[in-house]
Amino acid sequence: MFATLLVITGVPKLTDPGGTARALYSLGVPATLSTGRAIGVVEIGAGLAALLVGGRPAAAAMAIVYIGFSVFIALALRSEEVKNCGCFGKKDVPPSVLHLGIDLVAALVATVLVVRPIGAITTVMGETPWAGVPLLLLVVLGSALALLVLKLLPAAPAEAQP
């Protein structure tokens, strides 16, 4: 699920890296559109490696990416300058404690996978009942749910105000 999220959230950084660059710049990091795109490439690469190859190196790459995101969100939460985390392209999403929590859980899961690696998703699916179809459905649903929670929940308190 967390590998899939990296791929899904990496694509908008390639097509519209401005949000990511602005978020970094708001923290004092001299970021450009190329920086935003590079982060998207790394994010997609780590996610695809974890999904398609598996193993320790892919898990380590995923852990590093999520640790970096956790540090960024933690700093953004302390800053009044960062209004959009830049994680989802044009969609403005403020940094939130929930986002930090999900990133930390993802970093922890990836770190565990460095210690106890698994194979590519096709290998894992082959080792589960019904040729892995239920597992694949759970990954897709879990990724979609996590994405919705990250995108919509931080804005809910503002939307609830009269």
N, C-alpha and C. Protein backbone atom coordinates (compact mmCIF):
# COMPACT_ATOMS: atom_id res chain seq x y z
N MET A 1 0.83 -1.19 0.00
CA MET A 1 0.00 0.00 0.00
C MET A 1 0.87 1.26 0.00
N PHE A 2 1.89 1.29 0.88
CA PHE A 2 2.73 2.49 0.96
C PHE A 2 3.57 2.68 -0.29
N ALA A 3 3.97 1.59 -0.93
CA ALA A 3 4.69 1.70 -2.20
C ALA A 3 3.78 2.27 -3.28
N THR A 4 2.54 1.79 -3.29
CA THR A 4 1.57 2.29 -4.26
C THR A 4 1.32 3.78 -4.06
N LEU A 5 1.24 4.20 -2.80
CA LEU A 5 1.04 5.63 -2.52
C LEU A 5 2.18 6.47 -3.07
N LEU A 6 3.41 5.96 -2.98
CA LEU A 6 4.54 6.72 -3.52
C LEU A 6 4.38 6.95 -5.02
N VAL A 7 3.94 5.93 -5.72
CA VAL A 7 3.76 6.08 -7.17
C VAL A 7 2.63 7.06 -7.47
N ILE A 8 1.51 6.90 -6.76
CA ILE A 8 0.34 7.75 -7.00
C ILE A 8 0.65 9.22 -6.70
N THR A 9 1.35 9.49 -5.60
CA THR A 9 1.63 10.88 -5.24
C THR A 9 2.88 11.43 -5.93
N GLY A 10 3.66 10.57 -6.55
CA GLY A 10 4.83 11.04 -7.29
C GLY A 10 4.47 11.62 -8.64
N VAL A 11 3.44 11.07 -9.27
CA VAL A 11 3.05 11.52 -10.62
C VAL A 11 2.71 13.01 -10.66
N PRO A 12 1.90 13.55 -9.71
CA PRO A 12 1.61 14.99 -9.79
C PRO A 12 2.85 15.87 -9.63
N LYS A 13 3.88 15.36 -8.98
CA LYS A 13 5.11 16.14 -8.85
C LYS A 13 5.84 16.25 -10.18
N LEU A 14 5.61 15.30 -11.07
CA LEU A 14 6.20 15.38 -12.41
C LEU A 14 5.41 16.34 -13.28
N THR A 15 4.09 16.26 -13.19
CA THR A 15 3.25 17.06 -14.08
C THR A 15 3.04 18.48 -13.58
N ASP A 16 3.08 18.67 -12.25
CA ASP A 16 2.88 19.99 -11.66
C ASP A 16 3.73 20.13 -10.40
N PRO A 17 5.05 20.33 -10.58
CA PRO A 17 5.96 20.35 -9.44
C PRO A 17 5.95 21.65 -8.63
N GLY A 18 5.15 22.61 -9.05
CA GLY A 18 5.15 23.91 -8.38
C GLY A 18 4.77 23.85 -6.91
N GLY A 19 3.76 23.05 -6.56
CA GLY A 19 3.34 22.94 -5.16
C GLY A 19 4.45 22.42 -4.28
N THR A 20 5.16 21.42 -4.75
CA THR A 20 6.27 20.85 -3.99
C THR A 20 7.40 21.87 -3.85
N ALA A 21 7.73 22.54 -4.95
CA ALA A 21 8.81 23.55 -4.91
C ALA A 21 8.45 24.69 -3.96
N ARG A 22 7.19 25.15 -4.02
CA ARG A 22 6.76 26.24 -3.12
C ARG A 22 6.79 25.81 -1.65
N ALA A 23 6.37 24.58 -1.39
CA ALA A 23 6.38 24.08 -0.01
C ALA A 23 7.81 24.04 0.54
N LEU A 24 8.74 23.55 -0.26
CA LEU A 24 10.13 23.51 0.18
C LEU A 24 10.69 24.92 0.35
N TYR A 25 10.39 25.77 -0.61
CA TYR A 25 10.86 27.16 -0.56
C TYR A 25 10.33 27.87 0.68
N SER A 26 9.10 27.55 1.08
CA SER A 26 8.51 28.15 2.29
C SER A 26 9.29 27.79 3.54
N LEU A 27 9.99 26.67 3.49
CA LEU A 27 10.82 26.27 4.64
C LEU A 27 12.26 26.77 4.51
N GLY A 28 12.53 27.54 3.47
CA GLY A 28 13.88 28.07 3.29
C GLY A 28 14.79 27.22 2.44
N VAL A 29 14.25 26.17 1.83
CA VAL A 29 15.03 25.31 0.94
C VAL A 29 14.98 25.93 -0.46
N PRO A 30 16.15 26.22 -1.05
CA PRO A 30 16.14 26.84 -2.37
C PRO A 30 15.70 25.84 -3.44
N ALA A 31 14.39 25.67 -3.60
CA ALA A 31 13.84 24.67 -4.51
C ALA A 31 13.34 25.30 -5.79
N THR A 32 13.42 24.54 -6.86
CA THR A 32 12.92 24.96 -8.17
C THR A 32 11.92 23.92 -8.67
N LEU A 33 11.35 24.17 -9.83
CA LEU A 33 10.48 23.17 -10.44
C LEU A 33 11.22 21.86 -10.70
N SER A 34 12.49 21.98 -11.04
CA SER A 34 13.30 20.77 -11.25
C SER A 34 13.45 19.97 -9.96
N THR A 35 13.54 20.67 -8.84
CA THR A 35 13.62 19.99 -7.54
C THR A 35 12.33 19.21 -7.29
N GLY A 36 11.19 19.84 -7.56
CA GLY A 36 9.91 19.16 -7.39
C GLY A 36 9.80 17.94 -8.27
N ARG A 37 10.24 18.06 -9.51
CA ARG A 37 10.20 16.92 -10.43
C ARG A 37 11.15 15.81 -9.97
N ALA A 38 12.33 16.19 -9.51
CA ALA A 38 13.31 15.19 -9.04
C ALA A 38 12.75 14.41 -7.85
N ILE A 39 12.06 15.09 -6.96
CA ILE A 39 11.44 14.40 -5.82
C ILE A 39 10.38 13.42 -6.34
N GLY A 40 9.62 13.83 -7.33
CA GLY A 40 8.63 12.93 -7.93
C GLY A 40 9.28 11.70 -8.54
N VAL A 41 10.39 11.89 -9.24
CA VAL A 41 11.10 10.77 -9.87
C VAL A 41 11.60 9.80 -8.80
N VAL A 42 12.19 10.33 -7.74
CA VAL A 42 12.69 9.48 -6.66
C VAL A 42 11.54 8.73 -5.99
N GLU A 43 10.45 9.44 -5.75
CA GLU A 43 9.27 8.86 -5.12
C GLU A 43 8.70 7.71 -5.97
N ILE A 44 8.51 7.95 -7.25
CA ILE A 44 7.99 6.92 -8.15
C ILE A 44 8.97 5.75 -8.25
N GLY A 45 10.25 6.08 -8.35
CA GLY A 45 11.27 5.02 -8.44
C GLY A 45 11.28 4.12 -7.22
N ALA A 46 11.22 4.71 -6.04
CA ALA A 46 11.21 3.91 -4.80
C ALA A 46 9.95 3.05 -4.73
N GLY A 47 8.81 3.63 -5.09
CA GLY A 47 7.56 2.88 -5.07
C GLY A 47 7.56 1.72 -6.05
N LEU A 48 7.98 1.99 -7.28
CA LEU A 48 8.01 0.94 -8.30
C LEU A 48 9.02 -0.15 -7.94
N ALA A 49 10.16 0.22 -7.40
CA ALA A 49 11.15 -0.77 -6.98
C ALA A 49 10.57 -1.68 -5.91
N ALA A 50 9.88 -1.09 -4.94
CA ALA A 50 9.28 -1.89 -3.87
C ALA A 50 8.20 -2.83 -4.43
N LEU A 51 7.41 -2.32 -5.37
CA LEU A 51 6.33 -3.14 -5.95
C LEU A 51 6.84 -4.22 -6.90
N LEU A 52 7.77 -3.86 -7.77
CA LEU A 52 8.16 -4.75 -8.86
C LEU A 52 9.37 -5.63 -8.56
N VAL A 53 10.21 -5.19 -7.61
CA VAL A 53 11.43 -5.94 -7.31
C VAL A 53 11.40 -6.48 -5.88
N GLY A 54 11.02 -5.63 -4.95
CA GLY A 54 11.04 -6.02 -3.54
C GLY A 54 12.46 -6.14 -3.03
N GLY A 55 12.62 -6.70 -1.85
CA GLY A 55 13.95 -6.90 -1.28
C GLY A 55 14.42 -5.73 -0.44
N ARG A 56 15.60 -5.91 0.14
CA ARG A 56 16.16 -4.92 1.07
C ARG A 56 16.44 -3.56 0.43
N PRO A 57 17.10 -3.51 -0.72
CA PRO A 57 17.40 -2.19 -1.30
C PRO A 57 16.13 -1.36 -1.59
N ALA A 58 15.11 -2.01 -2.12
CA ALA A 58 13.86 -1.30 -2.42
C ALA A 58 13.19 -0.83 -1.14
N ALA A 59 13.19 -1.69 -0.12
CA ALA A 59 12.59 -1.31 1.17
C ALA A 59 13.38 -0.16 1.80
N ALA A 60 14.71 -0.19 1.67
CA ALA A 60 15.53 0.89 2.22
C ALA A 60 15.25 2.20 1.49
N ALA A 61 15.09 2.14 0.18
CA ALA A 61 14.77 3.36 -0.58
C ALA A 61 13.43 3.92 -0.13
N MET A 62 12.45 3.04 0.05
CA MET A 62 11.13 3.48 0.49
C MET A 62 11.21 4.07 1.90
N ALA A 63 11.98 3.46 2.78
CA ALA A 63 12.14 3.98 4.15
C ALA A 63 12.77 5.37 4.12
N ILE A 64 13.79 5.55 3.32
CA ILE A 64 14.47 6.85 3.23
C ILE A 64 13.50 7.93 2.73
N VAL A 65 12.72 7.60 1.72
CA VAL A 65 11.75 8.56 1.18
C VAL A 65 10.74 8.95 2.26
N TYR A 66 10.18 7.97 2.94
CA TYR A 66 9.17 8.27 3.96
C TYR A 66 9.77 8.97 5.19
N ILE A 67 11.00 8.67 5.53
CA ILE A 67 11.66 9.41 6.62
C ILE A 67 11.84 10.87 6.21
N GLY A 68 12.26 11.08 4.95
CA GLY A 68 12.39 12.45 4.45
C GLY A 68 11.07 13.20 4.47
N PHE A 69 10.00 12.53 4.05
CA PHE A 69 8.68 13.15 4.10
C PHE A 69 8.28 13.46 5.54
N SER A 70 8.58 12.56 6.45
CA SER A 70 8.24 12.78 7.87
C SER A 70 8.96 14.01 8.42
N VAL A 71 10.23 14.13 8.09
CA VAL A 71 10.99 15.31 8.54
C VAL A 71 10.40 16.58 7.96
N PHE A 72 10.08 16.54 6.66
CA PHE A 72 9.50 17.71 6.01
C PHE A 72 8.18 18.11 6.67
N ILE A 73 7.28 17.14 6.87
CA ILE A 73 5.97 17.45 7.45
C ILE A 73 6.13 17.95 8.88
N ALA A 74 7.05 17.36 9.64
CA ALA A 74 7.28 17.83 11.02
C ALA A 74 7.75 19.29 11.02
N LEU A 75 8.66 19.63 10.11
CA LEU A 75 9.13 21.02 10.01
C LEU A 75 8.01 21.94 9.52
N ALA A 76 7.22 21.45 8.56
CA ALA A 76 6.12 22.25 8.02
C ALA A 76 5.07 22.54 9.10
N LEU A 77 4.84 21.58 9.98
CA LEU A 77 3.86 21.79 11.06
C LEU A 77 4.32 22.88 12.03
N ARG A 78 5.62 23.03 12.16
CA ARG A 78 6.16 24.06 13.06
C ARG A 78 6.24 25.43 12.40
N SER A 79 6.11 25.47 11.10
CA SER A 79 6.22 26.71 10.35
C SER A 79 4.84 27.28 10.04
N GLU A 80 4.73 28.57 10.14
CA GLU A 80 3.49 29.22 9.74
C GLU A 80 3.50 29.58 8.26
N GLU A 81 4.63 29.39 7.61
CA GLU A 81 4.79 29.75 6.20
C GLU A 81 4.22 28.69 5.26
N VAL A 82 4.21 27.43 5.67
CA VAL A 82 3.80 26.35 4.78
C VAL A 82 2.30 26.16 4.87
N LYS A 83 1.61 26.51 3.81
CA LYS A 83 0.15 26.37 3.75
C LYS A 83 -0.28 25.13 2.98
N ASN A 84 0.61 24.62 2.12
CA ASN A 84 0.34 23.45 1.29
C ASN A 84 1.56 22.55 1.36
N CYS A 85 1.35 21.27 1.66
CA CYS A 85 2.49 20.36 1.78
C CYS A 85 3.13 20.06 0.42
N GLY A 86 2.41 20.29 -0.67
CA GLY A 86 2.97 20.05 -2.00
C GLY A 86 2.98 18.60 -2.41
N CYS A 87 2.28 17.76 -1.70
CA CYS A 87 2.32 16.32 -1.96
C CYS A 87 1.41 15.86 -3.08
N PHE A 88 0.41 16.65 -3.43
CA PHE A 88 -0.63 16.17 -4.33
C PHE A 88 -0.83 17.08 -5.54
N GLY A 89 0.20 17.75 -5.98
CA GLY A 89 0.08 18.59 -7.15
C GLY A 89 -0.74 19.84 -6.88
N LYS A 90 -1.74 20.10 -7.74
CA LYS A 90 -2.53 21.32 -7.65
C LYS A 90 -3.43 21.37 -6.42
N LYS A 91 -3.81 20.20 -5.88
CA LYS A 91 -4.69 20.15 -4.71
C LYS A 91 -3.95 20.69 -3.49
N ASP A 92 -4.44 21.80 -2.93
CA ASP A 92 -3.83 22.37 -1.73
C ASP A 92 -4.21 21.52 -0.52
N VAL A 93 -3.21 20.96 0.12
CA VAL A 93 -3.42 20.16 1.32
C VAL A 93 -2.46 20.68 2.38
N PRO A 94 -3.00 21.20 3.48
CA PRO A 94 -2.11 21.70 4.53
C PRO A 94 -1.42 20.54 5.22
N PRO A 95 -0.20 20.77 5.72
CA PRO A 95 0.45 19.71 6.49
C PRO A 95 -0.39 19.42 7.74
N SER A 96 -0.43 18.16 8.15
CA SER A 96 -1.23 17.80 9.31
C SER A 96 -0.53 16.73 10.14
N VAL A 97 -0.97 16.62 11.38
CA VAL A 97 -0.44 15.59 12.27
C VAL A 97 -0.80 14.21 11.71
N LEU A 98 -1.97 14.09 11.11
CA LEU A 98 -2.38 12.84 10.50
C LEU A 98 -1.42 12.44 9.38
N HIS A 99 -1.04 13.41 8.55
CA HIS A 99 -0.09 13.17 7.47
C HIS A 99 1.25 12.70 8.04
N LEU A 100 1.71 13.38 9.09
CA LEU A 100 2.95 12.99 9.74
C LEU A 100 2.84 11.56 10.26
N GLY A 101 1.71 11.23 10.88
CA GLY A 101 1.52 9.89 11.42
C GLY A 101 1.58 8.81 10.34
N ILE A 102 0.91 9.07 9.22
CA ILE A 102 0.93 8.10 8.12
C ILE A 102 2.34 7.94 7.56
N ASP A 103 3.05 9.05 7.40
CA ASP A 103 4.43 8.97 6.91
C ASP A 103 5.32 8.19 7.87
N LEU A 104 5.14 8.40 9.17
CA LEU A 104 5.95 7.68 10.17
C LEU A 104 5.62 6.18 10.17
N VAL A 105 4.36 5.84 10.05
CA VAL A 105 3.97 4.42 9.97
C VAL A 105 4.58 3.80 8.70
N ALA A 106 4.50 4.51 7.59
CA ALA A 106 5.07 4.01 6.34
C ALA A 106 6.59 3.82 6.48
N ALA A 107 7.27 4.76 7.12
CA ALA A 107 8.72 4.63 7.34
C ALA A 107 9.02 3.42 8.22
N LEU A 108 8.20 3.20 9.24
CA LEU A 108 8.38 2.05 10.13
C LEU A 108 8.17 0.74 9.37
N VAL A 109 7.10 0.66 8.59
CA VAL A 109 6.82 -0.55 7.80
C VAL A 109 7.98 -0.82 6.84
N ALA A 110 8.45 0.21 6.16
CA ALA A 110 9.55 0.04 5.21
C ALA A 110 10.83 -0.40 5.93
N THR A 111 11.06 0.12 7.12
CA THR A 111 12.24 -0.27 7.90
C THR A 111 12.14 -1.73 8.32
N VAL A 112 10.96 -2.17 8.72
CA VAL A 112 10.76 -3.59 9.05
C VAL A 112 11.04 -4.45 7.82
N LEU A 113 10.64 -3.97 6.64
CA LEU A 113 10.89 -4.73 5.41
C LEU A 113 12.36 -4.77 5.03
N VAL A 114 13.15 -3.84 5.54
CA VAL A 114 14.60 -3.93 5.34
C VAL A 114 15.14 -5.12 6.13
N VAL A 115 14.62 -5.30 7.34
CA VAL A 115 15.06 -6.39 8.21
C VAL A 115 14.49 -7.73 7.74
N ARG A 116 13.21 -7.73 7.36
CA ARG A 116 12.52 -8.94 6.91
C ARG A 116 11.93 -8.68 5.51
N PRO A 117 12.79 -8.72 4.50
CA PRO A 117 12.32 -8.35 3.15
C PRO A 117 11.33 -9.34 2.57
N ILE A 118 10.50 -8.82 1.67
CA ILE A 118 9.59 -9.64 0.89
C ILE A 118 9.92 -9.41 -0.58
N GLY A 119 9.36 -10.23 -1.42
CA GLY A 119 9.62 -10.10 -2.85
C GLY A 119 8.72 -9.09 -3.51
N ALA A 120 8.72 -9.14 -4.81
CA ALA A 120 7.86 -8.27 -5.61
C ALA A 120 6.41 -8.62 -5.34
N ILE A 121 5.51 -7.72 -5.69
CA ILE A 121 4.09 -7.95 -5.42
C ILE A 121 3.59 -9.20 -6.13
N THR A 122 4.13 -9.52 -7.30
CA THR A 122 3.68 -10.73 -8.01
C THR A 122 4.08 -11.98 -7.23
N THR A 123 5.23 -11.97 -6.60
CA THR A 123 5.67 -13.11 -5.78
C THR A 123 4.78 -13.25 -4.56
N VAL A 124 4.53 -12.14 -3.89
CA VAL A 124 3.69 -12.16 -2.69
C VAL A 124 2.28 -12.60 -3.06
N MET A 125 1.76 -12.11 -4.17
CA MET A 125 0.41 -12.50 -4.59
C MET A 125 0.34 -14.00 -4.87
N GLY A 126 1.39 -14.56 -5.45
CA GLY A 126 1.42 -15.98 -5.76
C GLY A 126 1.43 -16.86 -4.53
N GLU A 127 1.83 -16.29 -3.40
CA GLU A 127 1.90 -17.05 -2.15
C GLU A 127 0.64 -16.88 -1.30
N THR A 128 -0.34 -16.15 -1.79
CA THR A 128 -1.57 -15.93 -1.03
C THR A 128 -2.74 -16.63 -1.71
N PRO A 129 -3.82 -16.84 -0.96
CA PRO A 129 -4.97 -17.55 -1.54
C PRO A 129 -5.56 -16.83 -2.75
N TRP A 130 -6.21 -17.61 -3.60
CA TRP A 130 -6.91 -17.14 -4.78
C TRP A 130 -6.01 -16.28 -5.69
N ALA A 131 -4.78 -16.73 -5.84
CA ALA A 131 -3.80 -16.08 -6.72
C ALA A 131 -3.56 -14.62 -6.37
N GLY A 132 -3.81 -14.26 -5.11
CA GLY A 132 -3.50 -12.92 -4.65
C GLY A 132 -4.51 -11.85 -5.00
N VAL A 133 -5.62 -12.23 -5.62
CA VAL A 133 -6.62 -11.23 -6.01
C VAL A 133 -7.15 -10.48 -4.78
N PRO A 134 -7.51 -11.17 -3.68
CA PRO A 134 -7.96 -10.42 -2.49
C PRO A 134 -6.87 -9.47 -1.96
N LEU A 135 -5.62 -9.92 -1.99
CA LEU A 135 -4.52 -9.06 -1.54
C LEU A 135 -4.42 -7.82 -2.42
N LEU A 136 -4.48 -8.01 -3.71
CA LEU A 136 -4.42 -6.88 -4.64
C LEU A 136 -5.56 -5.90 -4.40
N LEU A 137 -6.75 -6.42 -4.19
CA LEU A 137 -7.90 -5.55 -3.89
C LEU A 137 -7.69 -4.78 -2.59
N LEU A 138 -7.14 -5.43 -1.58
CA LEU A 138 -6.86 -4.74 -0.31
C LEU A 138 -5.81 -3.64 -0.49
N VAL A 139 -4.80 -3.91 -1.30
CA VAL A 139 -3.77 -2.89 -1.56
C VAL A 139 -4.39 -1.69 -2.26
N VAL A 140 -5.20 -1.94 -3.28
CA VAL A 140 -5.84 -0.86 -4.02
C VAL A 140 -6.78 -0.06 -3.12
N LEU A 141 -7.62 -0.77 -2.37
CA LEU A 141 -8.56 -0.09 -1.46
C LEU A 141 -7.83 0.66 -0.35
N GLY A 142 -6.81 0.05 0.22
CA GLY A 142 -6.04 0.72 1.27
C GLY A 142 -5.35 1.96 0.76
N SER A 143 -4.79 1.89 -0.43
CA SER A 143 -4.13 3.05 -1.03
C SER A 143 -5.12 4.16 -1.30
N ALA A 144 -6.28 3.80 -1.86
CA ALA A 144 -7.31 4.80 -2.15
C ALA A 144 -7.81 5.46 -0.87
N LEU A 145 -8.03 4.65 0.16
CA LEU A 145 -8.49 5.19 1.44
C LEU A 145 -7.45 6.13 2.06
N ALA A 146 -6.20 5.70 2.06
CA ALA A 146 -5.14 6.55 2.61
C ALA A 146 -5.03 7.86 1.84
N LEU A 147 -5.14 7.79 0.54
CA LEU A 147 -5.07 8.99 -0.29
C LEU A 147 -6.24 9.94 0.02
N LEU A 148 -7.43 9.39 0.14
CA LEU A 148 -8.59 10.22 0.49
C LEU A 148 -8.43 10.85 1.86
N VAL A 149 -7.96 10.08 2.82
CA VAL A 149 -7.76 10.60 4.17
C VAL A 149 -6.73 11.74 4.15
N LEU A 150 -5.63 11.53 3.44
CA LEU A 150 -4.59 12.56 3.38
C LEU A 150 -5.06 13.82 2.66
N LYS A 151 -5.88 13.66 1.63
CA LYS A 151 -6.32 14.81 0.83
C LYS A 151 -7.49 15.55 1.45
N LEU A 152 -8.44 14.83 2.03
CA LEU A 152 -9.69 15.45 2.44
C LEU A 152 -9.78 15.76 3.92
N LEU A 153 -9.23 14.92 4.77
CA LEU A 153 -9.42 15.11 6.21
C LEU A 153 -8.78 16.39 6.76
N PRO A 154 -7.58 16.78 6.32
CA PRO A 154 -7.01 18.02 6.87
C PRO A 154 -7.87 19.26 6.60
N ALA A 155 -8.62 19.27 5.50
CA ALA A 155 -9.45 20.43 5.16
C ALA A 155 -10.81 20.37 5.84
N ALA A 156 -11.18 19.26 6.46
CA ALA A 156 -12.51 19.10 7.05
C ALA A 156 -12.82 20.14 8.13
N PRO A 157 -11.92 20.44 9.08
CA PRO A 157 -12.26 21.44 10.09
C PRO A 157 -12.58 22.81 9.50
N ALA A 158 -11.86 23.21 8.46
CA ALA A 158 -12.11 24.50 7.83
C ALA A 158 -13.47 24.49 7.11
N GLU A 159 -13.80 23.37 6.49
CA GLU A 159 -15.07 23.25 5.77
C GLU A 159 -16.26 23.24 6.73
N ALA A 160 -16.04 22.79 7.96
CA ALA A 160 -17.13 22.67 8.93
C ALA A 160 -17.47 24.02 9.58
N GLN A 161 -16.58 24.99 9.43
CA GLN A 161 -16.83 26.31 10.03
C GLN A 161 -17.95 27.02 9.29
N PRO A 162 -18.87 27.70 10.05
CA PRO A 162 -19.97 28.43 9.38
C PRO A 162 -19.48 29.65 8.62
